Amino acid sequence: MDGFTDMAMKLVENLLLVISLLKETLAYALEGEPMLKESLELLWKGLIGGSAWMGFLGYSLYGVGIDYNFATEVCEAFGYGYYVIDGMNYIVAFA
């Protein structure tokens, strides 16, 4: 289940790349204010963590697939999706 939620959070983080870059720039500018920097980081983690429900939805689809004998196809589809997300992470690794 952790893999599904991790995949969903990485997907949302990649989709919000521009906002992520702005957040990192602002965090760098707030080096002298550790409390503001920490609050910005916690706000970002809350925004990204709010997408964990998509991982739980994917896992529930997999669970239904176990019951109705299509879990292999669901697992394979999510595996290909993970390759795409991992490739996106590799492309934007400079950030």
PDB file of N, CA and C in Angstrom:
ATOM      1  N   MET A   1       0.820  -1.187   0.000  1.00  0.00           N
ATOM      2  CA  MET A   1       0.000   0.000   0.000  1.00  0.00           C
ATOM      3  C   MET A   1       0.867   1.256   0.000  1.00  0.00           C
ATOM      4  N   ASP A   2       2.007   1.180   0.665  1.00  0.00           N
ATOM      5  CA  ASP A   2       2.884   2.349   0.718  1.00  0.00           C
ATOM      6  C   ASP A   2       3.386   2.737  -0.664  1.00  0.00           C
ATOM      7  N   GLY A   3       3.587   1.747  -1.520  1.00  0.00           N
ATOM      8  CA  GLY A   3       4.047   2.035  -2.873  1.00  0.00           C
ATOM      9  C   GLY A   3       3.030   2.821  -3.672  1.00  0.00           C
ATOM     10  N   PHE A   4       1.748   2.502  -3.479  1.00  0.00           N
ATOM     11  CA  PHE A   4       0.691   3.220  -4.189  1.00  0.00           C
ATOM     12  C   PHE A   4       0.616   4.670  -3.731  1.00  0.00           C
ATOM     13  N   THR A   5       0.676   4.903  -2.420  1.00  0.00           N
ATOM     14  CA  THR A   5       0.600   6.279  -1.919  1.00  0.00           C
ATOM     15  C   THR A   5       1.861   7.059  -2.286  1.00  0.00           C
ATOM     16  N   ASP A   6       3.009   6.387  -2.252  1.00  0.00           N
ATOM     17  CA  ASP A   6       4.258   7.048  -2.648  1.00  0.00           C
ATOM     18  C   ASP A   6       4.200   7.467  -4.113  1.00  0.00           C
ATOM     19  N   MET A   7       3.651   6.585  -4.947  1.00  0.00           N
ATOM     20  CA  MET A   7       3.530   6.899  -6.366  1.00  0.00           C
ATOM     21  C   MET A   7       2.600   8.091  -6.589  1.00  0.00           C
ATOM     22  N   ALA A   8       1.495   8.136  -5.865  1.00  0.00           N
ATOM     23  CA  ALA A   8       0.551   9.245  -6.018  1.00  0.00           C
ATOM     24  C   ALA A   8       1.177  10.561  -5.581  1.00  0.00           C
ATOM     25  N   MET A   9       1.922  10.544  -4.488  1.00  0.00           N
ATOM     26  CA  MET A   9       2.540  11.778  -4.009  1.00  0.00           C
ATOM     27  C   MET A   9       3.645  12.250  -4.954  1.00  0.00           C
ATOM     28  N   LYS A  10       4.409  11.323  -5.516  1.00  0.00           N
ATOM     29  CA  LYS A  10       5.438  11.712  -6.480  1.00  0.00           C
ATOM     30  C   LYS A  10       4.810  12.278  -7.751  1.00  0.00           C
ATOM     31  N   LEU A  11       3.685  11.719  -8.153  1.00  0.00           N
ATOM     32  CA  LEU A  11       2.994  12.227  -9.331  1.00  0.00           C
ATOM     33  C   LEU A  11       2.537  13.664  -9.106  1.00  0.00           C
ATOM     34  N   VAL A  12       1.932  13.929  -7.977  1.00  0.00           N
ATOM     35  CA  VAL A  12       1.451  15.283  -7.693  1.00  0.00           C
ATOM     36  C   VAL A  12       2.623  16.250  -7.565  1.00  0.00           C
ATOM     37  N   GLU A  13       3.704  15.796  -6.968  1.00  0.00           N
ATOM     38  CA  GLU A  13       4.871  16.670  -6.834  1.00  0.00           C
ATOM     39  C   GLU A  13       5.457  17.002  -8.210  1.00  0.00           C
ATOM     40  N   ASN A  14       5.446  16.051  -9.120  1.00  0.00           N
ATOM     41  CA  ASN A  14       5.926  16.327 -10.476  1.00  0.00           C
ATOM     42  C   ASN A  14       4.982  17.247 -11.225  1.00  0.00           C
ATOM     43  N   LEU A  15       3.690  17.094 -10.996  1.00  0.00           N
ATOM     44  CA  LEU A  15       2.732  17.961 -11.673  1.00  0.00           C
ATOM     45  C   LEU A  15       2.808  19.395 -11.157  1.00  0.00           C
ATOM     46  N   LEU A  16       3.211  19.555  -9.914  1.00  0.00           N
ATOM     47  CA  LEU A  16       3.339  20.882  -9.311  1.00  0.00           C
ATOM     48  C   LEU A  16       4.785  21.369  -9.334  1.00  0.00           C
ATOM     49  N   LEU A  17       5.497  21.050 -10.390  1.00  0.00           N
ATOM     50  CA  LEU A  17       6.929  21.359 -10.466  1.00  0.00           C
ATOM     51  C   LEU A  17       7.203  22.857 -10.357  1.00  0.00           C
ATOM     52  N   VAL A  18       6.433  23.661 -11.044  1.00  0.00           N
ATOM     53  CA  VAL A  18       6.683  25.111 -11.025  1.00  0.00           C
ATOM     54  C   VAL A  18       6.466  25.662  -9.617  1.00  0.00           C
ATOM     55  N   ILE A  19       5.422  25.203  -8.960  1.00  0.00           N
ATOM     56  CA  ILE A  19       5.168  25.656  -7.593  1.00  0.00           C
ATOM     57  C   ILE A  19       6.270  25.149  -6.667  1.00  0.00           C
ATOM     58  N   SER A  20       6.758  23.943  -6.923  1.00  0.00           N
ATOM     59  CA  SER A  20       7.851  23.390  -6.130  1.00  0.00           C
ATOM     60  C   SER A  20       9.116  24.230  -6.279  1.00  0.00           C
ATOM     61  N   LEU A  21       9.397  24.654  -7.483  1.00  0.00           N
ATOM     62  CA  LEU A  21      10.575  25.503  -7.700  1.00  0.00           C
ATOM     63  C   LEU A  21      10.425  26.845  -6.993  1.00  0.00           C
ATOM     64  N   LEU A  22       9.238  27.416  -7.026  1.00  0.00           N
ATOM     65  CA  LEU A  22       8.997  28.673  -6.308  1.00  0.00           C
ATOM     66  C   LEU A  22       9.133  28.475  -4.803  1.00  0.00           C
ATOM     67  N   LYS A  23       8.641  27.343  -4.316  1.00  0.00           N
ATOM     68  CA  LYS A  23       8.754  27.049  -2.886  1.00  0.00           C
ATOM     69  C   LYS A  23      10.214  26.915  -2.471  1.00  0.00           C
ATOM     70  N   GLU A  24      11.017  26.238  -3.277  1.00  0.00           N
ATOM     71  CA  GLU A  24      12.432  26.087  -2.949  1.00  0.00           C
ATOM     72  C   GLU A  24      13.159  27.423  -2.986  1.00  0.00           C
ATOM     73  N   THR A  25      12.797  28.283  -3.935  1.00  0.00           N
ATOM     74  CA  THR A  25      13.403  29.610  -4.009  1.00  0.00           C
ATOM     75  C   THR A  25      13.040  30.440  -2.786  1.00  0.00           C
ATOM     76  N   LEU A  26      11.776  30.373  -2.390  1.00  0.00           N
ATOM     77  CA  LEU A  26      11.335  31.109  -1.210  1.00  0.00           C
ATOM     78  C   LEU A  26      11.979  30.553   0.053  1.00  0.00           C
ATOM     79  N   ALA A  27      12.121  29.235   0.139  1.00  0.00           N
ATOM     80  CA  ALA A  27      12.770  28.633   1.308  1.00  0.00           C
ATOM     81  C   ALA A  27      14.234  29.065   1.394  1.00  0.00           C
ATOM     82  N   TYR A  28      14.889  29.167   0.246  1.00  0.00           N
ATOM     83  CA  TYR A  28      16.278  29.638   0.243  1.00  0.00           C
ATOM     84  C   TYR A  28      16.361  31.096   0.691  1.00  0.00           C
ATOM     85  N   ALA A  29      15.363  31.889   0.301  1.00  0.00           N
ATOM     86  CA  ALA A  29      15.352  33.296   0.698  1.00  0.00           C
ATOM     87  C   ALA A  29      15.065  33.462   2.191  1.00  0.00           C
ATOM     88  N   LEU A  30      14.425  32.456   2.794  1.00  0.00           N
ATOM     89  CA  LEU A  30      14.080  32.547   4.216  1.00  0.00           C
ATOM     90  C   LEU A  30      15.106  31.862   5.117  1.00  0.00           C
ATOM     91  N   GLU A  31      16.348  31.793   4.696  1.00  0.00           N
ATOM     92  CA  GLU A  31      17.389  31.145   5.495  1.00  0.00           C
ATOM     93  C   GLU A  31      17.526  31.808   6.861  1.00  0.00           C
ATOM     94  N   GLY A  32      17.341  33.094   6.944  1.00  0.00           N
ATOM     95  CA  GLY A  32      17.488  33.813   8.209  1.00  0.00           C
ATOM     96  C   GLY A  32      16.287  33.668   9.126  1.00  0.00           C
ATOM     97  N   GLU A  33      15.197  33.166   8.621  1.00  0.00           N
ATOM     98  CA  GLU A  33      13.972  32.994   9.404  1.00  0.00           C
ATOM     99  C   GLU A  33      13.613  31.503   9.459  1.00  0.00           C
ATOM    100  N   PRO A  34      14.179  30.760  10.408  1.00  0.00           N
ATOM    101  CA  PRO A  34      13.957  29.307  10.420  1.00  0.00           C
ATOM    102  C   PRO A  34      12.500  28.911  10.686  1.00  0.00           C
ATOM    103  N   MET A  35      11.768  29.706  11.462  1.00  0.00           N
ATOM    104  CA  MET A  35      10.367  29.360  11.748  1.00  0.00           C
ATOM    105  C   MET A  35       9.508  29.510  10.500  1.00  0.00           C
ATOM    106  N   LEU A  36       9.735  30.567   9.731  1.00  0.00           N
ATOM    107  CA  LEU A  36       8.977  30.747   8.490  1.00  0.00           C
ATOM    108  C   LEU A  36       9.321  29.667   7.469  1.00  0.00           C
ATOM    109  N   LYS A  37      10.589  29.309   7.425  1.00  0.00           N
ATOM    110  CA  LYS A  37      11.023  28.266   6.506  1.00  0.00           C
ATOM    111  C   LYS A  37      10.381  26.928   6.875  1.00  0.00           C
ATOM    112  N   GLU A  38      10.346  26.630   8.154  1.00  0.00           N
ATOM    113  CA  GLU A  38       9.737  25.374   8.603  1.00  0.00           C
ATOM    114  C   GLU A  38       8.237  25.357   8.334  1.00  0.00           C
ATOM    115  N   SER A  39       7.581  26.488   8.524  1.00  0.00           N
ATOM    116  CA  SER A  39       6.147  26.540   8.248  1.00  0.00           C
ATOM    117  C   SER A  39       5.867  26.374   6.758  1.00  0.00           C
ATOM    118  N   LEU A  40       6.742  26.898   5.915  1.00  0.00           N
ATOM    119  CA  LEU A  40       6.599  26.707   4.470  1.00  0.00           C
ATOM    120  C   LEU A  40       6.776  25.237   4.092  1.00  0.00           C
ATOM    121  N   GLU A  41       7.760  24.577   4.700  1.00  0.00           N
ATOM    122  CA  GLU A  41       7.987  23.154   4.436  1.00  0.00           C
ATOM    123  C   GLU A  41       6.796  22.310   4.895  1.00  0.00           C
ATOM    124  N   LEU A  42       6.244  22.623   6.061  1.00  0.00           N
ATOM    125  CA  LEU A  42       5.093  21.869   6.556  1.00  0.00           C
ATOM    126  C   LEU A  42       3.858  22.099   5.690  1.00  0.00           C
ATOM    127  N   LEU A  43       3.688  23.304   5.198  1.00  0.00           N
ATOM    128  CA  LEU A  43       2.578  23.598   4.299  1.00  0.00           C
ATOM    129  C   LEU A  43       2.714  22.792   3.010  1.00  0.00           C
ATOM    130  N   TRP A  44       3.937  22.710   2.488  1.00  0.00           N
ATOM    131  CA  TRP A  44       4.181  21.940   1.256  1.00  0.00           C
ATOM    132  C   TRP A  44       3.920  20.445   1.482  1.00  0.00           C
ATOM    133  N   LYS A  45       4.400  19.920   2.613  1.00  0.00           N
ATOM    134  CA  LYS A  45       4.172  18.501   2.908  1.00  0.00           C
ATOM    135  C   LYS A  45       2.681  18.209   3.068  1.00  0.00           C
ATOM    136  N   GLY A  46       1.940  19.142   3.625  1.00  0.00           N
ATOM    137  CA  GLY A  46       0.494  18.966   3.747  1.00  0.00           C
ATOM    138  C   GLY A  46      -0.191  18.978   2.398  1.00  0.00           C
ATOM    139  N   LEU A  47       0.269  19.855   1.510  1.00  0.00           N
ATOM    140  CA  LEU A  47      -0.308  19.918   0.162  1.00  0.00           C
ATOM    141  C   LEU A  47      -0.034  18.631  -0.604  1.00  0.00           C
ATOM    142  N   ILE A  48       1.186  18.149  -0.544  1.00  0.00           N
ATOM    143  CA  ILE A  48       1.542  16.920  -1.242  1.00  0.00           C
ATOM    144  C   ILE A  48       0.892  15.713  -0.565  1.00  0.00           C
ATOM    145  N   GLY A  49       0.867  15.689   0.740  1.00  0.00           N
ATOM    146  CA  GLY A  49       0.272  14.575   1.477  1.00  0.00           C
ATOM    147  C   GLY A  49      -1.226  14.454   1.264  1.00  0.00           C
ATOM    148  N   GLY A  50      -1.854  15.535   0.849  1.00  0.00           N
ATOM    149  CA  GLY A  50      -3.287  15.487   0.565  1.00  0.00           C
ATOM    150  C   GLY A  50      -3.627  14.646  -0.651  1.00  0.00           C
ATOM    151  N   SER A  51      -2.618  14.234  -1.388  1.00  0.00           N
ATOM    152  CA  SER A  51      -2.856  13.412  -2.566  1.00  0.00           C
ATOM    153  C   SER A  51      -2.722  11.925  -2.266  1.00  0.00           C
ATOM    154  N   ALA A  52      -2.507  11.561  -1.027  1.00  0.00           N
ATOM    155  CA  ALA A  52      -2.336  10.148  -0.673  1.00  0.00           C
ATOM    156  C   ALA A  52      -3.608   9.346  -0.927  1.00  0.00           C
ATOM    157  N   TRP A  53      -4.752  10.005  -0.960  1.00  0.00           N
ATOM    158  CA  TRP A  53      -6.003   9.283  -1.191  1.00  0.00           C
ATOM    159  C   TRP A  53      -5.992   8.591  -2.549  1.00  0.00           C
ATOM    160  N   MET A  54      -5.260   9.156  -3.509  1.00  0.00           N
ATOM    161  CA  MET A  54      -5.194   8.508  -4.825  1.00  0.00           C
ATOM    162  C   MET A  54      -4.460   7.175  -4.728  1.00  0.00           C
ATOM    163  N   GLY A  55      -3.471   7.092  -3.870  1.00  0.00           N
ATOM    164  CA  GLY A  55      -2.775   5.834  -3.647  1.00  0.00           C
ATOM    165  C   GLY A  55      -3.676   4.797  -3.000  1.00  0.00           C
ATOM    166  N   PHE A  56      -4.473   5.239  -2.033  1.00  0.00           N
ATOM    167  CA  PHE A  56      -5.409   4.319  -1.397  1.00  0.00           C
ATOM    168  C   PHE A  56      -6.482   3.860  -2.380  1.00  0.00           C
ATOM    169  N   LEU A  57      -6.887   4.741  -3.279  1.00  0.00           N
ATOM    170  CA  LEU A  57      -7.843   4.363  -4.315  1.00  0.00           C
ATOM    171  C   LEU A  57      -7.244   3.323  -5.253  1.00  0.00           C
ATOM    172  N   GLY A  58      -5.988   3.501  -5.627  1.00  0.00           N
ATOM    173  CA  GLY A  58      -5.307   2.520  -6.470  1.00  0.00           C
ATOM    174  C   GLY A  58      -5.167   1.183  -5.774  1.00  0.00           C
ATOM    175  N   TYR A  59      -4.872   1.216  -4.485  1.00  0.00           N
ATOM    176  CA  TYR A  59      -4.745  -0.027  -3.735  1.00  0.00           C
ATOM    177  C   TYR A  59      -6.090  -0.732  -3.603  1.00  0.00           C
ATOM    178  N   SER A  60      -7.153   0.037  -3.440  1.00  0.00           N
ATOM    179  CA  SER A  60      -8.480  -0.594  -3.360  1.00  0.00           C
ATOM    180  C   SER A  60      -8.861  -1.215  -4.698  1.00  0.00           C
ATOM    181  N   LEU A  61      -8.470  -0.589  -5.799  1.00  0.00           N
ATOM    182  CA  LEU A  61      -8.698  -1.191  -7.113  1.00  0.00           C
ATOM    183  C   LEU A  61      -7.927  -2.505  -7.238  1.00  0.00           C
ATOM    184  N   TYR A  62      -6.720  -2.520  -6.730  1.00  0.00           N
ATOM    185  CA  TYR A  62      -5.925  -3.748  -6.732  1.00  0.00           C
ATOM    186  C   TYR A  62      -6.587  -4.819  -5.854  1.00  0.00           C
ATOM    187  N   GLY A  63      -7.107  -4.411  -4.695  1.00  0.00           N
ATOM    188  CA  GLY A  63      -7.787  -5.356  -3.808  1.00  0.00           C
ATOM    189  C   GLY A  63      -9.025  -5.960  -4.452  1.00  0.00           C
ATOM    190  N   VAL A  64      -9.790  -5.151  -5.158  1.00  0.00           N
ATOM    191  CA  VAL A  64     -10.949  -5.668  -5.891  1.00  0.00           C
ATOM    192  C   VAL A  64     -10.469  -6.606  -6.996  1.00  0.00           C
ATOM    193  N   GLY A  65      -9.342  -6.275  -7.607  1.00  0.00           N
ATOM    194  CA  GLY A  65      -8.768  -7.134  -8.639  1.00  0.00           C
ATOM    195  C   GLY A  65      -8.359  -8.494  -8.100  1.00  0.00           C
ATOM    196  N   ILE A  66      -7.903  -8.544  -6.855  1.00  0.00           N
ATOM    197  CA  ILE A  66      -7.576  -9.826  -6.244  1.00  0.00           C
ATOM    198  C   ILE A  66      -8.834 -10.682  -6.118  1.00  0.00           C
ATOM    199  N   ASP A  67      -9.936 -10.049  -5.721  1.00  0.00           N
ATOM    200  CA  ASP A  67     -11.186 -10.794  -5.564  1.00  0.00           C
ATOM    201  C   ASP A  67     -11.753 -11.274  -6.888  1.00  0.00           C
ATOM    202  N   TYR A  68     -11.620 -10.456  -7.933  1.00  0.00           N
ATOM    203  CA  TYR A  68     -12.250 -10.778  -9.214  1.00  0.00           C
ATOM    204  C   TYR A  68     -11.250 -11.165 -10.310  1.00  0.00           C
ATOM    205  N   ASN A  69     -10.046 -11.549  -9.911  1.00  0.00           N
ATOM    206  CA  ASN A  69      -9.031 -12.122 -10.803  1.00  0.00           C
ATOM    207  C   ASN A  69      -8.563 -11.196 -11.928  1.00  0.00           C
ATOM    208  N   PHE A  70      -8.386  -9.919 -11.653  1.00  0.00           N
ATOM    209  CA  PHE A  70      -7.732  -9.032 -12.617  1.00  0.00           C
ATOM    210  C   PHE A  70      -6.642  -8.203 -11.941  1.00  0.00           C
ATOM    211  N   ALA A  71      -6.119  -8.730 -10.832  1.00  0.00           N
ATOM    212  CA  ALA A  71      -5.089  -8.012 -10.072  1.00  0.00           C
ATOM    213  C   ALA A  71      -3.776  -7.921 -10.844  1.00  0.00           C
ATOM    214  N   THR A  72      -3.473  -8.923 -11.650  1.00  0.00           N
ATOM    215  CA  THR A  72      -2.224  -8.898 -12.415  1.00  0.00           C
ATOM    216  C   THR A  72      -2.217  -7.739 -13.398  1.00  0.00           C
ATOM    217  N   GLU A  73      -3.348  -7.503 -14.051  1.00  0.00           N
ATOM    218  CA  GLU A  73      -3.435  -6.401 -15.009  1.00  0.00           C
ATOM    219  C   GLU A  73      -3.334  -5.052 -14.311  1.00  0.00           C
ATOM    220  N   VAL A  74      -3.970  -4.939 -13.148  1.00  0.00           N
ATOM    221  CA  VAL A  74      -3.897  -3.690 -12.386  1.00  0.00           C
ATOM    222  C   VAL A  74      -2.458  -3.442 -11.941  1.00  0.00           C
ATOM    223  N   CYS A  75      -1.805  -4.480 -11.457  1.00  0.00           N
ATOM    224  CA  CYS A  75      -0.421  -4.348 -11.003  1.00  0.00           C
ATOM    225  C   CYS A  75       0.493  -3.960 -12.160  1.00  0.00           C
ATOM    226  N   GLU A  76       0.275  -4.558 -13.307  1.00  0.00           N
ATOM    227  CA  GLU A  76       1.098  -4.235 -14.468  1.00  0.00           C
ATOM    228  C   GLU A  76       0.865  -2.799 -14.926  1.00  0.00           C
ATOM    229  N   ALA A  77      -0.387  -2.345 -14.908  1.00  0.00           N
ATOM    230  CA  ALA A  77      -0.694  -0.964 -15.305  1.00  0.00           C
ATOM    231  C   ALA A  77      -0.047   0.032 -14.350  1.00  0.00           C
ATOM    232  N   PHE A  78      -0.131  -0.234 -13.051  1.00  0.00           N
ATOM    233  CA  PHE A  78       0.502   0.662 -12.093  1.00  0.00           C
ATOM    234  C   PHE A  78       2.025   0.600 -12.201  1.00  0.00           C
ATOM    235  N   GLY A  79       2.551  -0.554 -12.586  1.00  0.00           N
ATOM    236  CA  GLY A  79       3.994  -0.660 -12.796  1.00  0.00           C
ATOM    237  C   GLY A  79       4.460   0.229 -13.930  1.00  0.00           C
ATOM    238  N   TYR A  80       3.698   0.233 -15.036  1.00  0.00           N
ATOM    239  CA  TYR A  80       4.039   1.120 -16.149  1.00  0.00           C
ATOM    240  C   TYR A  80       3.881   2.586 -15.753  1.00  0.00           C
ATOM    241  N   GLY A  81       2.852   2.873 -14.968  1.00  0.00           N
ATOM    242  CA  GLY A  81       2.675   4.240 -14.475  1.00  0.00           C
ATOM    243  C   GLY A  81       3.843   4.670 -13.606  1.00  0.00           C
ATOM    244  N   TYR A  82       4.362   3.733 -12.813  1.00  0.00           N
ATOM    245  CA  TYR A  82       5.503   4.067 -11.968  1.00  0.00           C
ATOM    246  C   TYR A  82       6.749   4.339 -12.808  1.00  0.00           C
ATOM    247  N   TYR A  83       6.915   3.620 -13.915  1.00  0.00           N
ATOM    248  CA  TYR A  83       8.044   3.902 -14.812  1.00  0.00           C
ATOM    249  C   TYR A  83       7.954   5.322 -15.362  1.00  0.00           C
ATOM    250  N   VAL A  84       6.753   5.741 -15.710  1.00  0.00           N
ATOM    251  CA  VAL A  84       6.564   7.096 -16.237  1.00  0.00           C
ATOM    252  C   VAL A  84       6.901   8.131 -15.167  1.00  0.00           C
ATOM    253  N   ILE A  85       6.386   7.912 -13.950  1.00  0.00           N
ATOM    254  CA  ILE A  85       6.634   8.858 -12.862  1.00  0.00           C
ATOM    255  C   ILE A  85       8.115   8.883 -12.497  1.00  0.00           C
ATOM    256  N   ASP A  86       8.759   7.715 -12.496  1.00  0.00           N
ATOM    257  CA  ASP A  86      10.196   7.664 -12.209  1.00  0.00           C
ATOM    258  C   ASP A  86      10.991   8.391 -13.292  1.00  0.00           C
ATOM    259  N   GLY A  87      10.555   8.256 -14.537  1.00  0.00           N
ATOM    260  CA  GLY A  87      11.205   8.987 -15.624  1.00  0.00           C
ATOM    261  C   GLY A  87      11.036  10.487 -15.479  1.00  0.00           C
ATOM    262  N   MET A  88       9.845  10.915 -15.021  1.00  0.00           N
ATOM    263  CA  MET A  88       9.621  12.336 -14.773  1.00  0.00           C
ATOM    264  C   MET A  88      10.521  12.816 -13.644  1.00  0.00           C
ATOM    265  N   ASN A  89      10.700  12.004 -12.610  1.00  0.00           N
ATOM    266  CA  ASN A  89      11.602  12.372 -11.514  1.00  0.00           C
ATOM    267  C   ASN A  89      13.033  12.500 -11.997  1.00  0.00           C
ATOM    268  N   TYR A  90      13.434  11.617 -12.906  1.00  0.00           N
ATOM    269  CA  TYR A  90      14.793  11.669 -13.447  1.00  0.00           C
ATOM    270  C   TYR A  90      14.997  12.941 -14.273  1.00  0.00           C
ATOM    271  N   ILE A  91      13.969  13.326 -15.024  1.00  0.00           N
ATOM    272  CA  ILE A  91      14.070  14.524 -15.868  1.00  0.00           C
ATOM    273  C   ILE A  91      14.176  15.783 -15.016  1.00  0.00           C
ATOM    274  N   VAL A  92      13.400  15.847 -13.952  1.00  0.00           N
ATOM    275  CA  VAL A  92      13.367  17.059 -13.133  1.00  0.00           C
ATOM    276  C   VAL A  92      14.287  16.957 -11.907  1.00  0.00           C
ATOM    277  N   ALA A  93      15.267  16.079 -11.944  1.00  0.00           N
ATOM    278  CA  ALA A  93      16.156  15.878 -10.798  1.00  0.00           C
ATOM    279  C   ALA A  93      17.014  17.116 -10.527  1.00  0.00           C
ATOM    280  N   PHE A  94      17.123  18.017 -11.474  1.00  0.00           N
ATOM    281  CA  PHE A  94      17.915  19.219 -11.259  1.00  0.00           C
ATOM    282  C   PHE A  94      17.295  20.130 -10.226  1.00  0.00           C
ATOM    283  N   ALA A  95      15.986  20.012  -9.992  1.00  0.00           N
ATOM    284  CA  ALA A  95      15.289  20.929  -9.079  1.00  0.00           C
ATOM    285  C   ALA A  95      15.614  20.610  -7.679  1.00  0.00           C
TER     286      ALA A  95
END
